[in-house]
Amino acid sequence: MVQAYILIQTEVGKASSVAESIAQIAGVIQAEDVTGPYDVIVRAQADTVDELGRMVVAKVQQVEGITRTLTCPVVHL
C-alpha cells in the first residue's frame, strides 16, 4: 500500500468545494481546507505508485477549481 499527501492550490474561493469533491474519490482518506501556500491537503492511498499516479492525474486533477498539485509520497525511514 502506498500513501501520499497531495498539496493543492485552488482558484480563489474554491478550496471548500474542491476539498468536498476530492473527499468523494475512491482512495482518498482525508481532504482538508488549510491556510498557507496550499489551499487543500489530501491524504490518499493506492496499491501501487502507478495507481496513485493515475488517481492524481485522472481524478484529482480533473476537479474544477484546481490550479496546481504537488504529490508527496509517504516514506518510512
N, C-alpha and C. Protein backbone atom coordinates (compact mmCIF):
# COMPACT_ATOMS: atom_id res chain seq x y z
N MET A 1 0.85 -1.18 0.00
CA MET A 1 0.00 0.00 0.00
C MET A 1 0.89 1.24 0.00
N VAL A 2 0.60 2.17 -0.87
CA VAL A 2 1.33 3.43 -0.99
C VAL A 2 0.40 4.55 -0.54
N GLN A 3 0.92 5.43 0.31
CA GLN A 3 0.15 6.59 0.73
C GLN A 3 0.90 7.85 0.34
N ALA A 4 0.15 8.94 0.16
CA ALA A 4 0.77 10.21 -0.21
C ALA A 4 -0.09 11.36 0.29
N TYR A 5 0.57 12.49 0.49
CA TYR A 5 -0.12 13.75 0.70
C TYR A 5 -0.14 14.47 -0.63
N ILE A 6 -1.28 15.02 -0.98
CA ILE A 6 -1.40 15.80 -2.21
C ILE A 6 -1.71 17.22 -1.79
N LEU A 7 -0.78 18.13 -2.09
CA LEU A 7 -0.93 19.54 -1.74
C LEU A 7 -1.54 20.25 -2.94
N ILE A 8 -2.60 20.98 -2.71
CA ILE A 8 -3.38 21.54 -3.81
C ILE A 8 -3.55 23.04 -3.67
N GLN A 9 -3.31 23.74 -4.77
CA GLN A 9 -3.64 25.16 -4.87
C GLN A 9 -4.91 25.26 -5.70
N THR A 10 -5.80 26.16 -5.28
CA THR A 10 -7.08 26.31 -5.98
C THR A 10 -7.29 27.75 -6.42
N GLU A 11 -8.30 27.94 -7.23
CA GLU A 11 -8.74 29.28 -7.57
C GLU A 11 -9.29 29.93 -6.29
N VAL A 12 -9.26 31.24 -6.23
CA VAL A 12 -9.75 31.96 -5.06
C VAL A 12 -11.20 31.57 -4.78
N GLY A 13 -11.47 31.22 -3.52
CA GLY A 13 -12.82 30.89 -3.10
C GLY A 13 -13.28 29.48 -3.42
N LYS A 14 -12.41 28.64 -3.95
CA LYS A 14 -12.80 27.29 -4.37
C LYS A 14 -12.32 26.18 -3.44
N ALA A 15 -11.56 26.50 -2.40
CA ALA A 15 -10.96 25.46 -1.56
C ALA A 15 -11.99 24.52 -0.96
N SER A 16 -13.05 25.05 -0.43
CA SER A 16 -14.05 24.21 0.22
C SER A 16 -14.72 23.25 -0.76
N SER A 17 -15.12 23.75 -1.93
CA SER A 17 -15.78 22.88 -2.91
C SER A 17 -14.81 21.85 -3.47
N VAL A 18 -13.54 22.23 -3.65
CA VAL A 18 -12.53 21.28 -4.12
C VAL A 18 -12.33 20.17 -3.10
N ALA A 19 -12.19 20.52 -1.82
CA ALA A 19 -12.00 19.51 -0.77
C ALA A 19 -13.19 18.56 -0.70
N GLU A 20 -14.41 19.10 -0.81
CA GLU A 20 -15.60 18.26 -0.76
C GLU A 20 -15.64 17.30 -1.94
N SER A 21 -15.30 17.77 -3.12
CA SER A 21 -15.31 16.91 -4.31
C SER A 21 -14.26 15.82 -4.21
N ILE A 22 -13.06 16.19 -3.79
CA ILE A 22 -11.97 15.22 -3.71
C ILE A 22 -12.23 14.17 -2.64
N ALA A 23 -12.90 14.55 -1.56
CA ALA A 23 -13.20 13.60 -0.48
C ALA A 23 -14.04 12.42 -0.97
N GLN A 24 -14.75 12.59 -2.09
CA GLN A 24 -15.61 11.53 -2.64
C GLN A 24 -14.86 10.55 -3.53
N ILE A 25 -13.60 10.83 -3.86
CA ILE A 25 -12.83 9.98 -4.77
C ILE A 25 -12.34 8.73 -4.03
N ALA A 26 -12.49 7.59 -4.66
CA ALA A 26 -12.00 6.33 -4.07
C ALA A 26 -10.50 6.41 -3.86
N GLY A 27 -10.05 6.03 -2.69
CA GLY A 27 -8.63 6.07 -2.36
C GLY A 27 -8.25 7.29 -1.53
N VAL A 28 -9.13 8.27 -1.46
CA VAL A 28 -8.86 9.46 -0.64
C VAL A 28 -9.25 9.15 0.80
N ILE A 29 -8.30 9.30 1.70
CA ILE A 29 -8.52 9.05 3.12
C ILE A 29 -9.10 10.29 3.78
N GLN A 30 -8.55 11.45 3.43
CA GLN A 30 -8.95 12.71 4.06
C GLN A 30 -8.64 13.87 3.12
N ALA A 31 -9.51 14.87 3.12
CA ALA A 31 -9.29 16.09 2.34
C ALA A 31 -9.69 17.26 3.22
N GLU A 32 -8.75 18.17 3.46
CA GLU A 32 -8.97 19.28 4.39
C GLU A 32 -8.61 20.61 3.76
N ASP A 33 -9.42 21.65 4.02
CA ASP A 33 -9.06 23.02 3.68
C ASP A 33 -7.99 23.47 4.67
N VAL A 34 -6.97 24.16 4.20
CA VAL A 34 -5.92 24.67 5.08
C VAL A 34 -5.57 26.10 4.68
N THR A 35 -4.79 26.77 5.53
CA THR A 35 -4.27 28.08 5.17
C THR A 35 -2.79 27.94 4.88
N GLY A 36 -2.23 28.92 4.20
CA GLY A 36 -0.81 28.88 3.84
C GLY A 36 -0.66 28.84 2.34
N PRO A 37 0.48 28.35 1.87
CA PRO A 37 0.74 28.36 0.43
C PRO A 37 -0.16 27.39 -0.35
N TYR A 38 -0.75 26.41 0.33
CA TYR A 38 -1.68 25.48 -0.31
C TYR A 38 -3.05 25.69 0.30
N ASP A 39 -4.08 25.35 -0.46
CA ASP A 39 -5.46 25.58 -0.04
C ASP A 39 -6.15 24.31 0.46
N VAL A 40 -5.72 23.16 -0.04
CA VAL A 40 -6.29 21.88 0.35
C VAL A 40 -5.15 20.88 0.48
N ILE A 41 -5.20 20.06 1.52
CA ILE A 41 -4.25 18.96 1.66
C ILE A 41 -5.05 17.66 1.73
N VAL A 42 -4.63 16.70 0.92
CA VAL A 42 -5.33 15.42 0.80
C VAL A 42 -4.38 14.31 1.21
N ARG A 43 -4.89 13.33 1.92
CA ARG A 43 -4.13 12.10 2.17
C ARG A 43 -4.83 11.01 1.37
N ALA A 44 -4.07 10.32 0.54
CA ALA A 44 -4.64 9.30 -0.34
C ALA A 44 -3.81 8.03 -0.28
N GLN A 45 -4.41 6.94 -0.72
CA GLN A 45 -3.69 5.67 -0.77
C GLN A 45 -4.10 4.88 -2.00
N ALA A 46 -3.18 4.02 -2.43
CA ALA A 46 -3.42 3.12 -3.56
C ALA A 46 -2.52 1.91 -3.38
N ASP A 47 -2.79 0.88 -4.16
CA ASP A 47 -1.99 -0.34 -4.04
C ASP A 47 -0.56 -0.16 -4.55
N THR A 48 -0.38 0.65 -5.60
CA THR A 48 0.96 0.86 -6.17
C THR A 48 1.17 2.35 -6.45
N VAL A 49 2.41 2.71 -6.70
CA VAL A 49 2.74 4.09 -7.06
C VAL A 49 2.06 4.45 -8.39
N ASP A 50 2.03 3.51 -9.32
CA ASP A 50 1.38 3.76 -10.61
C ASP A 50 -0.11 4.05 -10.43
N GLU A 51 -0.78 3.27 -9.60
CA GLU A 51 -2.20 3.51 -9.35
C GLU A 51 -2.42 4.86 -8.68
N LEU A 52 -1.54 5.22 -7.77
CA LEU A 52 -1.63 6.52 -7.11
C LEU A 52 -1.48 7.63 -8.15
N GLY A 53 -0.52 7.50 -9.03
CA GLY A 53 -0.31 8.49 -10.07
C GLY A 53 -1.51 8.62 -10.99
N ARG A 54 -2.10 7.48 -11.35
CA ARG A 54 -3.30 7.52 -12.21
C ARG A 54 -4.45 8.21 -11.50
N MET A 55 -4.59 7.95 -10.20
CA MET A 55 -5.67 8.60 -9.44
C MET A 55 -5.48 10.11 -9.44
N VAL A 56 -4.26 10.57 -9.22
CA VAL A 56 -3.99 12.01 -9.17
C VAL A 56 -4.27 12.64 -10.52
N VAL A 57 -3.76 12.06 -11.58
CA VAL A 57 -3.91 12.66 -12.92
C VAL A 57 -5.34 12.52 -13.45
N ALA A 58 -5.93 11.34 -13.31
CA ALA A 58 -7.23 11.09 -13.94
C ALA A 58 -8.41 11.56 -13.11
N LYS A 59 -8.24 11.67 -11.79
CA LYS A 59 -9.39 12.02 -10.95
C LYS A 59 -9.18 13.33 -10.19
N VAL A 60 -8.11 13.41 -9.41
CA VAL A 60 -7.91 14.60 -8.57
C VAL A 60 -7.71 15.84 -9.43
N GLN A 61 -6.81 15.79 -10.40
CA GLN A 61 -6.52 16.98 -11.19
C GLN A 61 -7.67 17.41 -12.09
N GLN A 62 -8.67 16.56 -12.24
CA GLN A 62 -9.82 16.91 -13.07
C GLN A 62 -10.90 17.68 -12.30
N VAL A 63 -10.74 17.81 -10.99
CA VAL A 63 -11.72 18.55 -10.18
C VAL A 63 -11.63 20.03 -10.54
N GLU A 64 -12.78 20.61 -10.82
CA GLU A 64 -12.82 22.02 -11.20
C GLU A 64 -12.38 22.91 -10.05
N GLY A 65 -11.55 23.90 -10.37
CA GLY A 65 -11.08 24.85 -9.38
C GLY A 65 -9.64 24.64 -8.96
N ILE A 66 -9.04 23.51 -9.35
CA ILE A 66 -7.64 23.23 -9.01
C ILE A 66 -6.72 23.92 -10.01
N THR A 67 -5.70 24.59 -9.50
CA THR A 67 -4.72 25.22 -10.38
C THR A 67 -3.38 24.49 -10.37
N ARG A 68 -3.05 23.78 -9.28
CA ARG A 68 -1.76 23.10 -9.19
C ARG A 68 -1.82 22.04 -8.10
N THR A 69 -1.11 20.92 -8.34
CA THR A 69 -0.99 19.88 -7.31
C THR A 69 0.48 19.51 -7.12
N LEU A 70 0.79 19.05 -5.93
CA LEU A 70 2.12 18.51 -5.61
C LEU A 70 1.90 17.25 -4.81
N THR A 71 2.34 16.11 -5.33
CA THR A 71 2.14 14.82 -4.67
C THR A 71 3.40 14.44 -3.91
N CYS A 72 3.22 14.15 -2.63
CA CYS A 72 4.34 13.81 -1.73
C CYS A 72 4.12 12.42 -1.16
N PRO A 73 4.73 11.38 -1.76
CA PRO A 73 4.57 10.03 -1.23
C PRO A 73 5.14 9.91 0.18
N VAL A 74 4.46 9.13 1.01
CA VAL A 74 4.91 8.88 2.38
C VAL A 74 6.00 7.82 2.32
N VAL A 75 7.10 8.04 3.03
CA VAL A 75 8.18 7.06 3.13
C VAL A 75 8.38 6.70 4.59
N HIS A 76 8.82 5.50 4.82
CA HIS A 76 9.10 5.05 6.18
C HIS A 76 10.59 4.77 6.29
N LEU A 77 11.29 5.68 6.94
CA LEU A 77 12.75 5.59 7.04
C LEU A 77 13.19 4.83 8.27
